[in-house]
Amino acid sequence: MEINDIIKEFFSNIKCTQCHNFFDKESINLVRHEHNYTVVRIICSKCGKNIGIAMLGLDKDSMKVSVDKTNEQKKPDDIPLELSDTIDPITYDDVIDAHKFFYSLGNDWSKHLPNKDA
């Protein structure tokens, strides 16, 4: 299974926040793939909602394991998560800080990614 198929399978277990349908493989478009991260654009193919961009810091083997575990779940809307007692939960302030950071990148956020040739 190729990296693009693994990513699409991974996101097919997540629902759109607007129409509540599961994302299908046409909803996920690969923007960029590097050795240690992958960037995808998510647009719901059912209702057209532009969900946005996701940066995945997973390698192919990690994503495949995640997809395999998801497929073993009994309910299709379950997302496999590994919880840690050593990490504090994300707070509202964390979300606001992340929003401000990504907003500050501007419309041409891709200029902040490493060059493919580097």
Protein backbone atom coordinates (compact mmCIF):
# COMPACT_ATOMS: atom_id res chain seq x y z
CA MET A 1 0.00 0.00 0.00
CA GLU A 2 1.39 3.39 -1.03
CA ILE A 3 1.69 6.35 1.36
CA ASN A 4 -1.14 8.22 -0.40
CA ASP A 5 -3.48 5.23 0.03
CA ILE A 6 -2.51 4.86 3.69
CA ILE A 7 -3.27 8.54 4.38
CA LYS A 8 -6.62 8.35 2.58
CA GLU A 9 -7.52 5.21 4.51
CA PHE A 10 -6.52 6.91 7.77
CA PHE A 11 -8.78 9.92 7.13
CA SER A 12 -11.68 7.74 5.93
CA ASN A 13 -12.33 6.96 9.61
CA ILE A 14 -13.00 10.62 10.43
CA LYS A 15 -16.26 12.54 9.87
CA CYS A 16 -16.86 15.94 8.32
CA THR A 17 -17.85 18.54 10.92
CA GLN A 18 -20.53 19.98 8.63
CA CYS A 19 -22.38 17.03 7.04
CA HIS A 20 -21.16 14.30 9.44
CA ASN A 21 -20.33 11.88 6.63
CA PHE A 22 -17.06 9.96 6.75
CA PHE A 23 -14.38 11.34 4.45
CA ASP A 24 -13.89 9.19 1.37
CA LYS A 25 -10.69 8.81 -0.60
CA GLU A 26 -11.67 11.67 -2.94
CA SER A 27 -11.79 14.06 0.05
CA ILE A 28 -8.04 13.80 0.71
CA ASN A 29 -5.49 15.31 -1.67
CA LEU A 30 -1.76 14.93 -1.18
CA VAL A 31 -0.07 18.33 -1.27
CA ARG A 32 3.48 17.33 -0.40
CA HIS A 33 5.35 14.32 0.93
CA GLU A 34 8.81 14.43 2.44
CA HIS A 35 10.83 11.90 4.41
CA ASN A 36 9.46 12.86 7.83
CA TYR A 37 6.19 14.66 7.11
CA THR A 38 3.25 14.71 4.73
CA VAL A 39 0.89 17.60 3.92
CA VAL A 40 -2.67 16.90 2.76
CA ARG A 41 -5.65 19.09 1.87
CA ILE A 42 -9.04 17.89 3.11
CA ILE A 43 -12.24 18.94 1.33
CA CYS A 44 -15.37 16.92 2.04
CA SER A 45 -16.48 15.33 -1.23
CA LYS A 46 -20.06 15.08 0.05
CA CYS A 47 -20.80 18.70 1.06
CA GLY A 48 -17.75 20.56 -0.28
CA LYS A 49 -16.63 21.97 3.09
CA ASN A 50 -12.96 22.93 2.96
CA ILE A 51 -11.66 21.38 6.17
CA GLY A 52 -8.14 22.67 5.61
CA ILE A 53 -4.58 21.46 5.56
CA ALA A 54 -3.15 18.71 7.75
CA MET A 55 0.55 18.23 8.38
CA LEU A 56 1.30 14.66 9.40
CA GLY A 57 4.59 13.96 11.10
CA LEU A 58 4.33 10.21 10.68
CA ASP A 59 6.36 7.87 8.59
CA LYS A 60 4.76 5.28 6.32
CA ASP A 61 5.12 2.43 8.83
CA SER A 62 3.52 4.45 11.66
CA MET A 63 0.57 5.44 9.49
CA LYS A 64 0.10 1.86 8.30
CA VAL A 65 0.02 0.62 11.91
CA SER A 66 -2.53 3.31 12.76
CA VAL A 67 -4.71 2.36 9.78
CA ASP A 68 -4.45 -1.34 10.64
CA LYS A 69 -5.51 -0.65 14.24
CA THR A 70 -8.39 1.51 13.02
CA ASN A 71 -9.63 -1.27 10.76
CA GLU A 72 -9.65 -3.65 13.74
CA GLN A 73 -12.06 -1.38 15.64
CA LYS A 74 -15.65 -2.60 15.94
CA LYS A 75 -17.21 0.85 15.45
CA PRO A 76 -16.16 2.79 12.32
CA ASP A 77 -16.27 6.14 14.12
CA ASP A 78 -13.68 5.12 16.72
CA ILE A 79 -10.26 6.69 16.19
CA PRO A 80 -7.32 4.89 17.77
CA LEU A 81 -5.59 7.16 20.26
CA GLU A 82 -2.72 6.50 22.57
CA LEU A 83 -3.17 8.48 25.77
CA SER A 84 -0.27 9.36 27.99
CA ASP A 85 -0.39 10.27 31.66
CA THR A 86 2.81 12.32 31.28
CA ILE A 87 1.39 14.83 28.76
CA ASP A 88 -1.02 17.54 29.87
CA PRO A 89 -4.31 17.75 27.94
CA ILE A 90 -4.63 20.43 25.27
CA THR A 91 -6.25 23.56 26.68
CA TYR A 92 -8.31 26.27 24.99
CA ASP A 93 -5.28 28.57 25.27
CA ASP A 94 -3.18 25.97 23.41
CA VAL A 95 -5.72 25.97 20.57
CA ILE A 96 -5.79 29.79 20.44
CA ASP A 97 -1.97 29.90 20.43
CA ALA A 98 -1.84 27.37 17.59
CA HIS A 99 -4.42 29.37 15.63
CA LYS A 100 -2.43 32.58 16.07
CA PHE A 101 0.75 30.81 14.97
CA PHE A 102 -0.76 29.37 11.80
CA TYR A 103 -2.57 32.62 11.04
CA SER A 104 0.73 34.51 11.33
CA LEU A 105 2.21 32.32 8.58
CA GLY A 106 0.00 34.12 6.06
CA ASN A 107 -1.49 32.86 2.83
CA ASP A 108 1.82 31.62 1.49
CA TRP A 109 2.47 29.24 4.39
CA SER A 110 4.28 26.77 2.13
CA LYS A 111 7.33 29.05 2.02
CA HIS A 112 7.98 27.98 5.62
CA LEU A 113 8.37 24.30 4.64
CA PRO A 114 11.85 22.98 3.92
CA ASN A 115 12.81 22.90 0.25
CA LYS A 116 12.46 19.54 -1.43
CA ASP A 117 16.04 19.78 -2.69
CA ALA A 118 17.50 20.65 0.73
